[in-house]
C-alpha atoms as a PDB file:
ATOM      1  CA  MET A   1     118.372 -22.637 -22.372  1.00  0.00           C
ATOM      2  CA  PRO A   2     117.638 -25.772 -24.344  1.00  0.00           C
ATOM      3  CA  LYS A   3     120.375 -26.595 -26.850  1.00  0.00           C
ATOM      4  CA  VAL A   4     119.226 -27.652 -30.317  1.00  0.00           C
ATOM      5  CA  CYS A   5     122.714 -28.689 -31.438  1.00  0.00           C
ATOM      6  CA  ARG A   6     126.343 -27.712 -31.680  1.00  0.00           C
ATOM      7  CA  PHE A   7     127.302 -26.682 -35.271  1.00  0.00           C
ATOM      8  CA  GLY A   8     131.062 -26.465 -35.468  1.00  0.00           C
ATOM      9  CA  LYS A   9     132.097 -23.714 -33.018  1.00  0.00           C
ATOM     10  CA  TYR A  10     128.522 -22.439 -32.779  1.00  0.00           C
ATOM     11  CA  ILE A  11     125.738 -23.445 -30.417  1.00  0.00           C
ATOM     12  CA  ILE A  12     122.148 -23.304 -31.717  1.00  0.00           C
ATOM     13  CA  PHE A  13     119.608 -22.935 -28.929  1.00  0.00           C
ATOM     14  CA  PHE A  14     116.312 -21.587 -27.617  1.00  0.00           C
ATOM     15  CA  TRP A  15     115.784 -19.189 -24.745  1.00  0.00           C
ATOM     16  CA  SER A  16     113.311 -20.720 -22.310  1.00  0.00           C
ATOM     17  CA  ASP A  17     111.242 -17.535 -22.207  1.00  0.00           C
ATOM     18  CA  ASP A  18     110.731 -17.296 -25.998  1.00  0.00           C
ATOM     19  CA  GLY A  19     107.823 -19.747 -26.243  1.00  0.00           C
ATOM     20  CA  THR A  20     105.300 -16.943 -26.906  1.00  0.00           C
ATOM     21  CA  GLU A  21     107.044 -15.987 -30.156  1.00  0.00           C
ATOM     22  CA  PRO A  22     107.007 -17.944 -33.466  1.00  0.00           C
ATOM     23  CA  ILE A  23     109.492 -20.785 -33.823  1.00  0.00           C
ATOM     24  CA  HIS A  24     113.065 -19.477 -33.902  1.00  0.00           C
ATOM     25  CA  VAL A  25     116.552 -20.278 -32.741  1.00  0.00           C
ATOM     26  CA  HIS A  26     119.525 -18.325 -31.573  1.00  0.00           C
ATOM     27  CA  ALA A  27     123.107 -18.999 -32.622  1.00  0.00           C
ATOM     28  CA  CYS A  28     126.487 -17.785 -31.334  1.00  0.00           C
ATOM     29  CA  GLU A  29     130.028 -18.808 -30.826  1.00  0.00           C
ATOM     30  CA  GLY A  30     130.840 -20.304 -27.453  1.00  0.00           C
ATOM     31  CA  LYS A  31     128.360 -19.844 -24.647  1.00  0.00           C
ATOM     32  CA  PRO A  32     124.846 -18.558 -25.182  1.00  0.00           C
ATOM     33  CA  HIS A  33     124.513 -14.703 -24.645  1.00  0.00           C
ATOM     34  CA  LYS A  34     121.872 -12.078 -25.069  1.00  0.00           C
ATOM     35  CA  ASP A  35     123.219 -10.793 -28.350  1.00  0.00           C
ATOM     36  CA  ALA A  36     123.098 -14.138 -30.119  1.00  0.00           C
ATOM     37  CA  THR A  37     122.043 -14.097 -33.693  1.00  0.00           C
ATOM     38  CA  LYS A  38     118.273 -14.878 -34.130  1.00  0.00           C
ATOM     39  CA  ILE A  39     116.862 -16.939 -36.944  1.00  0.00           C
ATOM     40  CA  TRP A  40     113.159 -17.399 -37.610  1.00  0.00           C
ATOM     41  CA  LEU A  41     112.387 -20.914 -38.736  1.00  0.00           C
ATOM     42  CA  LEU A  42     109.070 -20.583 -40.573  1.00  0.00           C
ATOM     43  CA  PRO A  43     108.011 -20.556 -43.336  1.00  0.00           C
ATOM     44  CA  PHE A  44     111.712 -21.117 -44.055  1.00  0.00           C
ATOM     45  CA  PRO A  45     114.850 -20.184 -42.106  1.00  0.00           C
ATOM     46  CA  HIS A  46     115.480 -16.413 -42.363  1.00  0.00           C
ATOM     47  CA  LEU A  47     117.524 -13.998 -40.412  1.00  0.00           C
ATOM     48  CA  ALA A  48     115.915 -11.804 -37.755  1.00  0.00           C
ATOM     49  CA  HIS A  49     119.246 -10.245 -36.792  1.00  0.00           C
ATOM     50  CA  ASN A  50     122.958 -11.047 -36.698  1.00  0.00           C
ATOM     51  CA  LYS A  51     123.964  -9.327 -33.440  1.00  0.00           C
ATOM     52  CA  SER A  52     126.661 -11.883 -32.745  1.00  0.00           C
ATOM     53  CA  LYS A  53     128.206 -11.074 -36.134  1.00  0.00           C
ATOM     54  CA  ILE A  54     128.509 -14.699 -37.456  1.00  0.00           C
ATOM     55  CA  PRO A  55     130.413 -14.460 -40.801  1.00  0.00           C
ATOM     56  CA  ASP A  56     128.264 -14.847 -43.907  1.00  0.00           C
ATOM     57  CA  THR A  57     129.808 -18.212 -44.902  1.00  0.00           C
ATOM     58  CA  ASP A  58     129.195 -19.714 -41.470  1.00  0.00           C
ATOM     59  CA  LEU A  59     125.697 -18.166 -41.272  1.00  0.00           C
ATOM     60  CA  ASN A  60     124.808 -19.634 -44.710  1.00  0.00           C
ATOM     61  CA  ARG A  61     125.868 -23.088 -43.531  1.00  0.00           C
ATOM     62  CA  ILE A  62     123.827 -22.768 -40.343  1.00  0.00           C
ATOM     63  CA  MET A  63     120.800 -21.618 -42.400  1.00  0.00           C
ATOM     64  CA  GLN A  64     121.218 -24.595 -44.731  1.00  0.00           C
ATOM     65  CA  TRP A  65     121.429 -26.990 -41.831  1.00  0.00           C
ATOM     66  CA  LEU A  66     118.211 -25.420 -40.285  1.00  0.00           C
ATOM     67  CA  ALA A  67     116.429 -25.744 -43.689  1.00  0.00           C
ATOM     68  CA  ALA A  68     117.399 -29.433 -43.908  1.00  0.00           C
ATOM     69  CA  ASN A  69     116.508 -30.130 -40.283  1.00  0.00           C
ATOM     70  CA  GLN A  70     113.492 -27.930 -39.898  1.00  0.00           C
ATOM     71  CA  ASP A  71     111.228 -30.777 -38.648  1.00  0.00           C
ATOM     72  CA  LEU A  72     113.780 -31.807 -36.017  1.00  0.00           C
ATOM     73  CA  VAL A  73     114.075 -28.268 -34.687  1.00  0.00           C
ATOM     74  CA  LYS A  74     110.276 -27.750 -34.712  1.00  0.00           C
ATOM     75  CA  LYS A  75     109.842 -31.003 -32.712  1.00  0.00           C
ATOM     76  CA  LYS A  76     112.422 -29.906 -30.155  1.00  0.00           C
ATOM     77  CA  TRP A  77     110.639 -26.475 -29.850  1.00  0.00           C
ATOM     78  CA  GLU A  78     107.243 -28.139 -29.354  1.00  0.00           C
ATOM     79  CA  ALA A  79     108.674 -30.642 -26.811  1.00  0.00           C
ATOM     80  CA  HIS A  80     110.271 -27.819 -24.804  1.00  0.00           C
ATOM     81  CA  PHE A  81     107.378 -25.264 -24.985  1.00  0.00           C
ATOM     82  CA  ALA A  82     104.437 -27.679 -24.775  1.00  0.00           C
END
């Protein structure tokens, strides 16, 4: 479970077995878990699902951070799954 970053009380991460899917991250409060929110990164950050029920205001901030740091996240994905 590679961590992309900690964003306030949330952790943004990849699951190590997700490398066959398009670039995306998971986000949740506390420790990573199977029902973490999933966010596709390309062509722009957009929600796949919000199973961890992150409040809209926090989710919007996470999405804005992902949009501003898309290249960084993409590089971390490529480094991990290469």
